[in-house]
PDB file of N, CA and C in Angstrom:
ATOM      1  N   MET A   1      68.009 115.884 160.312  1.00  0.00           N
ATOM      2  CA  MET A   1      67.943 117.184 159.703  1.00  0.00           C
ATOM      3  C   MET A   1      69.211 117.965 160.105  1.00  0.00           C
ATOM      4  N   ILE A   2      69.825 118.583 159.128  1.00  0.00           N
ATOM      5  CA  ILE A   2      71.027 119.364 159.366  1.00  0.00           C
ATOM      6  C   ILE A   2      70.631 120.819 159.560  1.00  0.00           C
ATOM      7  N   GLN A   3      71.236 121.439 160.568  1.00  0.00           N
ATOM      8  CA  GLN A   3      70.928 122.823 160.913  1.00  0.00           C
ATOM      9  C   GLN A   3      72.183 123.678 160.837  1.00  0.00           C
ATOM     10  N   CYS A   4      71.977 124.971 160.659  1.00  0.00           N
ATOM     11  CA  CYS A   4      73.079 125.923 160.692  1.00  0.00           C
ATOM     12  C   CYS A   4      73.778 125.813 162.044  1.00  0.00           C
ATOM     13  N   ILE A   5      75.069 125.703 162.003  1.00  0.00           N
ATOM     14  CA  ILE A   5      75.831 125.545 163.242  1.00  0.00           C
ATOM     15  C   ILE A   5      75.792 126.809 164.102  1.00  0.00           C
ATOM     16  N   GLN A   6      75.477 127.945 163.473  1.00  0.00           N
ATOM     17  CA  GLN A   6      75.463 129.211 164.213  1.00  0.00           C
ATOM     18  C   GLN A   6      74.073 129.562 164.734  1.00  0.00           C
ATOM     19  N   CYS A   7      73.057 129.582 163.869  1.00  0.00           N
ATOM     20  CA  CYS A   7      71.721 130.044 164.293  1.00  0.00           C
ATOM     21  C   CYS A   7      70.714 128.909 164.463  1.00  0.00           C
ATOM     22  N   LYS A   8      71.114 127.688 164.126  1.00  0.00           N
ATOM     23  CA  LYS A   8      70.276 126.476 164.284  1.00  0.00           C
ATOM     24  C   LYS A   8      69.087 126.410 163.327  1.00  0.00           C
ATOM     25  N   ARG A   9      69.078 127.238 162.300  1.00  0.00           N
ATOM     26  CA  ARG A   9      68.018 127.190 161.290  1.00  0.00           C
ATOM     27  C   ARG A   9      68.161 125.888 160.499  1.00  0.00           C
ATOM     28  N   PRO A  10      67.079 125.119 160.321  1.00  0.00           N
ATOM     29  CA  PRO A  10      67.162 123.904 159.505  1.00  0.00           C
ATOM     30  C   PRO A  10      67.466 124.245 158.048  1.00  0.00           C
ATOM     31  N   PHE A  11      68.349 123.473 157.440  1.00  0.00           N
ATOM     32  CA  PHE A  11      68.682 123.699 156.039  1.00  0.00           C
ATOM     33  C   PHE A  11      67.639 123.073 155.127  1.00  0.00           C
ATOM     34  N   LEU A  12      67.371 123.767 154.035  1.00  0.00           N
ATOM     35  CA  LEU A  12      66.507 123.271 152.974  1.00  0.00           C
ATOM     36  C   LEU A  12      67.407 122.745 151.853  1.00  0.00           C
ATOM     37  N   ALA A  13      66.838 122.053 150.892  1.00  0.00           N
ATOM     38  CA  ALA A  13      67.611 121.492 149.786  1.00  0.00           C
ATOM     39  C   ALA A  13      68.394 122.573 149.042  1.00  0.00           C
ATOM     40  N   ASP A  14      67.822 123.755 148.876  1.00  0.00           N
ATOM     41  CA  ASP A  14      68.496 124.839 148.154  1.00  0.00           C
ATOM     42  C   ASP A  14      69.674 125.430 148.916  1.00  0.00           C
ATOM     43  N   ASP A  15      69.789 125.138 150.205  1.00  0.00           N
ATOM     44  CA  ASP A  15      70.892 125.662 151.010  1.00  0.00           C
ATOM     45  C   ASP A  15      72.177 124.863 150.805  1.00  0.00           C
ATOM     46  N   ARG A  16      72.055 123.693 150.180  1.00  0.00           N
ATOM     47  CA  ARG A  16      73.233 122.872 149.889  1.00  0.00           C
ATOM     48  C   ARG A  16      73.932 123.481 148.676  1.00  0.00           C
ATOM     49  N   ILE A  17      75.168 123.914 148.869  1.00  0.00           N
ATOM     50  CA  ILE A  17      75.877 124.659 147.841  1.00  0.00           C
ATOM     51  C   ILE A  17      76.833 123.779 147.051  1.00  0.00           C
ATOM     52  N   ALA A  18      77.579 122.905 147.724  1.00  0.00           N
ATOM     53  CA  ALA A  18      78.584 122.082 147.037  1.00  0.00           C
ATOM     54  C   ALA A  18      78.950 120.893 147.907  1.00  0.00           C
ATOM     55  N   SER A  19      79.494 119.868 147.252  1.00  0.00           N
ATOM     56  CA  SER A  19      80.016 118.724 147.996  1.00  0.00           C
ATOM     57  C   SER A  19      81.144 118.084 147.201  1.00  0.00           C
ATOM     58  N   MET A  20      82.030 117.395 147.944  1.00  0.00           N
ATOM     59  CA  MET A  20      83.139 116.700 147.295  1.00  0.00           C
ATOM     60  C   MET A  20      83.447 115.441 148.090  1.00  0.00           C
ATOM     61  N   SER A  21      83.724 114.348 147.354  1.00  0.00           N
ATOM     62  CA  SER A  21      84.068 113.067 147.966  1.00  0.00           C
ATOM     63  C   SER A  21      85.466 112.656 147.575  1.00  0.00           C
ATOM     64  N   GLY A  22      86.131 111.985 148.497  1.00  0.00           N
ATOM     65  CA  GLY A  22      87.459 111.455 148.226  1.00  0.00           C
ATOM     66  C   GLY A  22      87.700 110.218 149.069  1.00  0.00           C
ATOM     67  N   SER A  23      88.725 109.474 148.715  1.00  0.00           N
ATOM     68  CA  SER A  23      89.091 108.274 149.455  1.00  0.00           C
ATOM     69  C   SER A  23      90.405 108.538 150.178  1.00  0.00           C
ATOM     70  N   ILE A  24      90.356 108.463 151.518  1.00  0.00           N
ATOM     71  CA  ILE A  24      91.531 108.708 152.346  1.00  0.00           C
ATOM     72  C   ILE A  24      91.740 107.498 153.248  1.00  0.00           C
ATOM     73  N   MET A  25      92.880 106.846 153.084  1.00  0.00           N
ATOM     74  CA  MET A  25      93.215 105.639 153.850  1.00  0.00           C
ATOM     75  C   MET A  25      92.086 104.607 153.773  1.00  0.00           C
ATOM     76  N   GLY A  26      91.464 104.499 152.606  1.00  0.00           N
ATOM     77  CA  GLY A  26      90.412 103.523 152.385  1.00  0.00           C
ATOM     78  C   GLY A  26      89.024 103.973 152.795  1.00  0.00           C
ATOM     79  N   ASP A  27      88.921 105.076 153.500  1.00  0.00           N
ATOM     80  CA  ASP A  27      87.615 105.592 153.933  1.00  0.00           C
ATOM     81  C   ASP A  27      87.068 106.553 152.885  1.00  0.00           C
ATOM     82  N   GLU A  28      85.757 106.492 152.666  1.00  0.00           N
ATOM     83  CA  GLU A  28      85.120 107.464 151.789  1.00  0.00           C
ATOM     84  C   GLU A  28      84.780 108.692 152.620  1.00  0.00           C
ATOM     85  N   CYS A  29      85.276 109.835 152.188  1.00  0.00           N
ATOM     86  CA  CYS A  29      85.088 111.093 152.905  1.00  0.00           C
ATOM     87  C   CYS A  29      84.326 112.056 152.010  1.00  0.00           C
ATOM     88  N   THR A  30      83.224 112.591 152.508  1.00  0.00           N
ATOM     89  CA  THR A  30      82.414 113.535 151.746  1.00  0.00           C
ATOM     90  C   THR A  30      82.128 114.750 152.603  1.00  0.00           C
ATOM     91  N   ASP A  31      82.458 115.926 152.085  1.00  0.00           N
ATOM     92  CA  ASP A  31      82.139 117.184 152.745  1.00  0.00           C
ATOM     93  C   ASP A  31      81.040 117.873 151.959  1.00  0.00           C
ATOM     94  N   VAL A  32      80.013 118.321 152.671  1.00  0.00           N
ATOM     95  CA  VAL A  32      78.880 119.017 152.063  1.00  0.00           C
ATOM     96  C   VAL A  32      78.803 120.407 152.676  1.00  0.00           C
ATOM     97  N   TYR A  33      78.784 121.420 151.813  1.00  0.00           N
ATOM     98  CA  TYR A  33      78.735 122.815 152.247  1.00  0.00           C
ATOM     99  C   TYR A  33      77.322 123.344 152.137  1.00  0.00           C
ATOM    100  N   TYR A  34      76.839 123.882 153.255  1.00  0.00           N
ATOM    101  CA  TYR A  34      75.530 124.524 153.320  1.00  0.00           C
ATOM    102  C   TYR A  34      75.747 125.991 153.660  1.00  0.00           C
ATOM    103  N   LEU A  35      75.042 126.877 152.966  1.00  0.00           N
ATOM    104  CA  LEU A  35      75.115 128.309 153.261  1.00  0.00           C
ATOM    105  C   LEU A  35      73.802 128.742 153.890  1.00  0.00           C
ATOM    106  N   CYS A  36      73.894 129.285 155.080  1.00  0.00           N
ATOM    107  CA  CYS A  36      72.695 129.747 155.779  1.00  0.00           C
ATOM    108  C   CYS A  36      72.254 131.088 155.199  1.00  0.00           C
ATOM    109  N   PRO A  37      71.032 131.174 154.685  1.00  0.00           N
ATOM    110  CA  PRO A  37      70.559 132.445 154.134  1.00  0.00           C
ATOM    111  C   PRO A  37      70.281 133.486 155.217  1.00  0.00           C
ATOM    112  N   SER A  38      70.150 133.048 156.446  1.00  0.00           N
ATOM    113  CA  SER A  38      69.876 133.979 157.541  1.00  0.00           C
ATOM    114  C   SER A  38      71.139 134.665 158.053  1.00  0.00           C
ATOM    115  N   CYS A  39      72.167 133.887 158.377  1.00  0.00           N
ATOM    116  CA  CYS A  39      73.371 134.483 158.972  1.00  0.00           C
ATOM    117  C   CYS A  39      74.565 134.508 158.019  1.00  0.00           C
ATOM    118  N   GLN A  40      74.416 133.970 156.804  1.00  0.00           N
ATOM    119  CA  GLN A  40      75.437 134.051 155.761  1.00  0.00           C
ATOM    120  C   GLN A  40      76.771 133.415 156.150  1.00  0.00           C
ATOM    121  N   VAL A  41      76.720 132.292 156.867  1.00  0.00           N
ATOM    122  CA  VAL A  41      77.917 131.505 157.139  1.00  0.00           C
ATOM    123  C   VAL A  41      77.682 130.089 156.627  1.00  0.00           C
ATOM    124  N   TYR A  42      78.773 129.399 156.382  1.00  0.00           N
ATOM    125  CA  TYR A  42      78.699 128.018 155.928  1.00  0.00           C
ATOM    126  C   TYR A  42      78.775 127.068 157.107  1.00  0.00           C
ATOM    127  N   THR A  43      78.047 125.981 156.990  1.00  0.00           N
ATOM    128  CA  THR A  43      78.168 124.830 157.869  1.00  0.00           C
ATOM    129  C   THR A  43      78.635 123.697 156.980  1.00  0.00           C
ATOM    130  N   VAL A  44      79.615 122.919 157.447  1.00  0.00           N
ATOM    131  CA  VAL A  44      80.145 121.802 156.668  1.00  0.00           C
ATOM    132  C   VAL A  44      79.767 120.508 157.369  1.00  0.00           C
ATOM    133  N   ALA A  45      79.039 119.658 156.652  1.00  0.00           N
ATOM    134  CA  ALA A  45      78.709 118.320 157.141  1.00  0.00           C
ATOM    135  C   ALA A  45      79.735 117.369 156.531  1.00  0.00           C
ATOM    136  N   SER A  46      80.512 116.722 157.388  1.00  0.00           N
ATOM    137  CA  SER A  46      81.556 115.804 156.931  1.00  0.00           C
ATOM    138  C   SER A  46      81.136 114.373 157.239  1.00  0.00           C
ATOM    139  N   TRP A  47      80.986 113.597 156.187  1.00  0.00           N
ATOM    140  CA  TRP A  47      80.568 112.204 156.300  1.00  0.00           C
ATOM    141  C   TRP A  47      81.788 111.314 156.116  1.00  0.00           C
ATOM    142  N   ARG A  48      81.907 110.268 156.921  1.00  0.00           N
ATOM    143  CA  ARG A  48      82.999 109.302 156.805  1.00  0.00           C
ATOM    144  C   ARG A  48      82.408 107.903 156.804  1.00  0.00           C
ATOM    145  N   ASP A  49      82.775 107.136 155.810  1.00  0.00           N
ATOM    146  CA  ASP A  49      82.340 105.744 155.720  1.00  0.00           C
ATOM    147  C   ASP A  49      83.590 104.880 155.652  1.00  0.00           C
ATOM    148  N   ASN A  50      83.822 104.111 156.717  1.00  0.00           N
ATOM    149  CA  ASN A  50      85.003 103.246 156.741  1.00  0.00           C
ATOM    150  C   ASN A  50      84.655 101.794 156.396  1.00  0.00           C
ATOM    151  N   PHE A  51      83.443 101.594 155.901  1.00  0.00           N
ATOM    152  CA  PHE A  51      82.972 100.311 155.388  1.00  0.00           C
ATOM    153  C   PHE A  51      82.941  99.216 156.452  1.00  0.00           C
ATOM    154  N   THR A  52      82.692  99.610 157.710  1.00  0.00           N
ATOM    155  CA  THR A  52      82.489  98.644 158.783  1.00  0.00           C
ATOM    156  C   THR A  52      81.009  98.517 159.109  1.00  0.00           C
ATOM    157  N   GLY A  53      80.189  99.265 158.375  1.00  0.00           N
ATOM    158  CA  GLY A  53      78.758  99.268 158.636  1.00  0.00           C
ATOM    159  C   GLY A  53      78.318 100.475 159.446  1.00  0.00           C
ATOM    160  N   VAL A  54      79.283 101.255 159.929  1.00  0.00           N
ATOM    161  CA  VAL A  54      78.959 102.437 160.719  1.00  0.00           C
ATOM    162  C   VAL A  54      79.503 103.660 159.986  1.00  0.00           C
ATOM    163  N   GLU A  55      78.602 104.528 159.589  1.00  0.00           N
ATOM    164  CA  GLU A  55      78.974 105.780 158.920  1.00  0.00           C
ATOM    165  C   GLU A  55      78.872 106.896 159.942  1.00  0.00           C
ATOM    166  N   SER A  56      79.820 107.819 159.925  1.00  0.00           N
ATOM    167  CA  SER A  56      79.768 108.919 160.883  1.00  0.00           C
ATOM    168  C   SER A  56      79.622 110.250 160.152  1.00  0.00           C
ATOM    169  N   MET A  57      79.061 111.227 160.874  1.00  0.00           N
ATOM    170  CA  MET A  57      78.911 112.573 160.342  1.00  0.00           C
ATOM    171  C   MET A  57      79.143 113.546 161.477  1.00  0.00           C
ATOM    172  N   HIS A  58      79.890 114.598 161.178  1.00  0.00           N
ATOM    173  CA  HIS A  58      80.016 115.671 162.149  1.00  0.00           C
ATOM    174  C   HIS A  58      79.922 117.002 161.423  1.00  0.00           C
ATOM    175  N   LEU A  59      79.458 117.996 162.156  1.00  0.00           N
ATOM    176  CA  LEU A  59      79.311 119.337 161.600  1.00  0.00           C
ATOM    177  C   LEU A  59      80.468 120.199 162.064  1.00  0.00           C
ATOM    178  N   SER A  60      80.920 121.076 161.172  1.00  0.00           N
ATOM    179  CA  SER A  60      81.942 122.039 161.548  1.00  0.00           C
ATOM    180  C   SER A  60      81.546 123.418 161.050  1.00  0.00           C
ATOM    181  N   GLY A  61      82.145 124.409 161.641  1.00  0.00           N
ATOM    182  CA  GLY A  61      81.851 125.781 161.309  1.00  0.00           C
ATOM    183  C   GLY A  61      81.566 126.545 162.575  1.00  0.00           C
ATOM    184  N   PRO A  62      81.077 127.746 162.479  1.00  0.00           N
ATOM    185  CA  PRO A  62      80.728 128.371 161.221  1.00  0.00           C
ATOM    186  C   PRO A  62      81.967 128.739 160.409  1.00  0.00           C
ATOM    187  N   VAL A  63      81.838 128.590 159.113  1.00  0.00           N
ATOM    188  CA  VAL A  63      82.886 128.960 158.172  1.00  0.00           C
ATOM    189  C   VAL A  63      82.457 130.280 157.543  1.00  0.00           C
ATOM    190  N   GLY A  64      83.323 131.274 157.628  1.00  0.00           N
ATOM    191  CA  GLY A  64      83.020 132.583 157.069  1.00  0.00           C
ATOM    192  C   GLY A  64      82.757 132.496 155.576  1.00  0.00           C
ATOM    193  N   LYS A  65      82.029 133.471 155.080  1.00  0.00           N
ATOM    194  CA  LYS A  65      81.624 133.439 153.677  1.00  0.00           C
ATOM    195  C   LYS A  65      82.820 133.407 152.730  1.00  0.00           C
ATOM    196  N   GLY A  66      83.873 134.163 153.012  1.00  0.00           N
ATOM    197  CA  GLY A  66      85.056 134.171 152.144  1.00  0.00           C
ATOM    198  C   GLY A  66      85.743 132.826 152.079  1.00  0.00           C
ATOM    199  N   GLN A  67      85.997 132.221 153.238  1.00  0.00           N
ATOM    200  CA  GLN A  67      86.646 130.914 153.288  1.00  0.00           C
ATOM    201  C   GLN A  67      85.760 129.840 152.666  1.00  0.00           C
ATOM    202  N   GLY A  68      84.460 129.907 152.934  1.00  0.00           N
ATOM    203  CA  GLY A  68      83.528 128.945 152.346  1.00  0.00           C
ATOM    204  C   GLY A  68      83.479 129.060 150.836  1.00  0.00           C
ATOM    205  N   GLU A  69      83.478 130.283 150.333  1.00  0.00           N
ATOM    206  CA  GLU A  69      83.446 130.473 148.876  1.00  0.00           C
ATOM    207  C   GLU A  69      84.727 129.983 148.214  1.00  0.00           C
ATOM    208  N   GLU A  70      85.871 130.078 148.907  1.00  0.00           N
ATOM    209  CA  GLU A  70      87.118 129.519 148.368  1.00  0.00           C
ATOM    210  C   GLU A  70      86.999 128.006 148.190  1.00  0.00           C
ATOM    211  N   ALA A  71      86.482 127.333 149.217  1.00  0.00           N
ATOM    212  CA  ALA A  71      86.311 125.873 149.137  1.00  0.00           C
ATOM    213  C   ALA A  71      85.314 125.502 148.043  1.00  0.00           C
ATOM    214  N   VAL A  72      84.209 126.228 147.966  1.00  0.00           N
ATOM    215  CA  VAL A  72      83.187 125.966 146.942  1.00  0.00           C
ATOM    216  C   VAL A  72      83.773 126.181 145.545  1.00  0.00           C
ATOM    217  N   ALA A  73      84.622 127.179 145.387  1.00  0.00           N
ATOM    218  CA  ALA A  73      85.257 127.439 144.089  1.00  0.00           C
ATOM    219  C   ALA A  73      86.187 126.295 143.699  1.00  0.00           C
ATOM    220  N   ILE A  74      86.939 125.763 144.654  1.00  0.00           N
ATOM    221  CA  ILE A  74      87.811 124.609 144.373  1.00  0.00           C
ATOM    222  C   ILE A  74      86.964 123.427 143.936  1.00  0.00           C
ATOM    223  N   ILE A  75      85.905 123.145 144.673  1.00  0.00           N
ATOM    224  CA  ILE A  75      85.012 122.032 144.341  1.00  0.00           C
ATOM    225  C   ILE A  75      84.429 122.238 142.941  1.00  0.00           C
ATOM    226  N   GLY A  76      84.090 123.473 142.610  1.00  0.00           N
ATOM    227  CA  GLY A  76      83.495 123.786 141.317  1.00  0.00           C
ATOM    228  C   GLY A  76      84.416 123.540 140.131  1.00  0.00           C
ATOM    229  N   ARG A  77      85.704 123.394 140.382  1.00  0.00           N
ATOM    230  CA  ARG A  77      86.647 123.125 139.290  1.00  0.00           C
ATOM    231  C   ARG A  77      86.621 121.675 138.824  1.00  0.00           C
ATOM    232  N   CYS A  78      85.984 120.790 139.587  1.00  0.00           N
ATOM    233  CA  CYS A  78      85.907 119.371 139.210  1.00  0.00           C
ATOM    234  C   CYS A  78      84.551 119.080 138.571  1.00  0.00           C
ATOM    235  N   THR A  79      84.580 118.327 137.483  1.00  0.00           N
ATOM    236  CA  THR A  79      83.326 117.966 136.803  1.00  0.00           C
ATOM    237  C   THR A  79      82.624 116.788 137.475  1.00  0.00           C
ATOM    238  N   VAL A  80      83.345 116.058 138.337  1.00  0.00           N
ATOM    239  CA  VAL A  80      82.763 114.901 139.035  1.00  0.00           C
ATOM    240  C   VAL A  80      83.143 114.926 140.520  1.00  0.00           C
ATOM    241  N   PRO A  81      82.726 115.956 141.251  1.00  0.00           N
ATOM    242  CA  PRO A  81      83.152 116.067 142.648  1.00  0.00           C
ATOM    243  C   PRO A  81      82.669 114.925 143.539  1.00  0.00           C
ATOM    244  N   TRP A  82      81.659 114.192 143.114  1.00  0.00           N
ATOM    245  CA  TRP A  82      81.123 113.061 143.880  1.00  0.00           C
ATOM    246  C   TRP A  82      81.963 111.790 143.688  1.00  0.00           C
ATOM    247  N   ASP A  83      82.897 111.795 142.733  1.00  0.00           N
ATOM    248  CA  ASP A  83      83.691 110.605 142.425  1.00  0.00           C
ATOM    249  C   ASP A  83      84.896 110.526 143.357  1.00  0.00           C
ATOM    250  N   LYS A  84      84.830 109.628 144.326  1.00  0.00           N
ATOM    251  CA  LYS A  84      85.902 109.517 145.309  1.00  0.00           C
ATOM    252  C   LYS A  84      87.222 109.033 144.701  1.00  0.00           C
ATOM    253  N   LYS A  85      87.182 108.524 143.492  1.00  0.00           N
ATOM    254  CA  LYS A  85      88.401 108.046 142.828  1.00  0.00           C
ATOM    255  C   LYS A  85      89.039 109.094 141.918  1.00  0.00           C
ATOM    256  N   CYS A  86      88.388 110.224 141.757  1.00  0.00           N
ATOM    257  CA  CYS A  86      88.913 111.295 140.910  1.00  0.00           C
ATOM    258  C   CYS A  86      90.198 111.852 141.544  1.00  0.00           C
ATOM    259  N   ARG A  87      91.186 112.100 140.709  1.00  0.00           N
ATOM    260  CA  ARG A  87      92.462 112.640 141.190  1.00  0.00           C
ATOM    261  C   ARG A  87      92.828 113.924 140.448  1.00  0.00           C
ATOM    262  N   CYS A  88      91.818 114.679 140.058  1.00  0.00           N
ATOM    263  CA  CYS A  88      92.060 115.946 139.361  1.00  0.00           C
ATOM    264  C   CYS A  88      92.733 116.937 140.307  1.00  0.00           C
ATOM    265  N   GLU A  89      93.157 118.054 139.752  1.00  0.00           N
ATOM    266  CA  GLU A  89      93.821 119.082 140.550  1.00  0.00           C
ATOM    267  C   GLU A  89      92.934 119.575 141.697  1.00  0.00           C
ATOM    268  N   ALA A  90      91.635 119.739 141.428  1.00  0.00           N
ATOM    269  CA  ALA A  90      90.714 120.227 142.455  1.00  0.00           C
ATOM    270  C   ALA A  90      90.606 119.239 143.614  1.00  0.00           C
ATOM    271  N   HIS A  91      90.475 117.956 143.313  1.00  0.00           N
ATOM    272  CA  HIS A  91      90.415 116.948 144.373  1.00  0.00           C
ATOM    273  C   HIS A  91      91.706 116.946 145.193  1.00  0.00           C
ATOM    274  N   ARG A  92      92.834 116.975 144.518  1.00  0.00           N
ATOM    275  CA  ARG A  92      94.115 116.943 145.229  1.00  0.00           C
ATOM    276  C   ARG A  92      94.280 118.187 146.104  1.00  0.00           C
ATOM    277  N   LEU A  93      93.882 119.342 145.589  1.00  0.00           N
ATOM    278  CA  LEU A  93      93.992 120.566 146.372  1.00  0.00           C
ATOM    279  C   LEU A  93      93.026 120.550 147.550  1.00  0.00           C
ATOM    280  N   TYR A  94      91.785 120.191 147.308  1.00  0.00           N
ATOM    281  CA  TYR A  94      90.786 120.190 148.375  1.00  0.00           C
ATOM    282  C   TYR A  94      91.194 119.256 149.517  1.00  0.00           C
ATOM    283  N   PHE A  95      91.644 118.060 149.175  1.00  0.00           N
ATOM    284  CA  PHE A  95      92.011 117.062 150.193  1.00  0.00           C
ATOM    285  C   PHE A  95      93.497 117.124 150.560  1.00  0.00           C
ATOM    286  N   ARG A  96      94.174 118.183 150.152  1.00  0.00           N
ATOM    287  CA  ARG A  96      95.564 118.451 150.515  1.00  0.00           C
ATOM    288  C   ARG A  96      96.492 117.268 150.228  1.00  0.00           C
ATOM    289  N   ASP A  97      96.314 116.686 149.051  1.00  0.00           N
ATOM    290  CA  ASP A  97      97.142 115.562 148.598  1.00  0.00           C
ATOM    291  C   ASP A  97      97.144 114.371 149.547  1.00  0.00           C
ATOM    292  N   ALA A  98      96.037 114.177 150.286  1.00  0.00           N
ATOM    293  CA  ALA A  98      95.944 113.060 151.214  1.00  0.00           C
ATOM    294  C   ALA A  98      95.127 111.891 150.651  1.00  0.00           C
ATOM    295  N   LEU A  99      94.777 111.940 149.359  1.00  0.00           N
ATOM    296  CA  LEU A  99      93.961 110.883 148.755  1.00  0.00           C
ATOM    297  C   LEU A  99      94.763 109.607 148.571  1.00  0.00           C
ATOM    298  N   ASP A 100      94.050 108.479 148.603  1.00  0.00           N
ATOM    299  CA  ASP A 100      94.690 107.172 148.358  1.00  0.00           C
ATOM    300  C   ASP A 100      95.343 107.166 146.989  1.00  0.00           C
TER     301      ASP A 100
END
């Protein structure tokens, strides 16, 4: 269960705001943004799959509402944010041109 990094409130399905996947150096990287309705900050769950059988996840934040909304807006510009092979402007901007 993923919790708010600031207040430790467990996230519900509706708290998941956006996600984007990309391929960096052969690894699948997915960031998922959760907005806490209690403290109004974002927690980012970053998943990494390097295809060795071990997937890792770490939480970062708290991300302020303004910065989080900027990232969510970038993600919202892509019609297929889950496609790690997408190379649209939004993917390139979000991953800072580090995609394979």
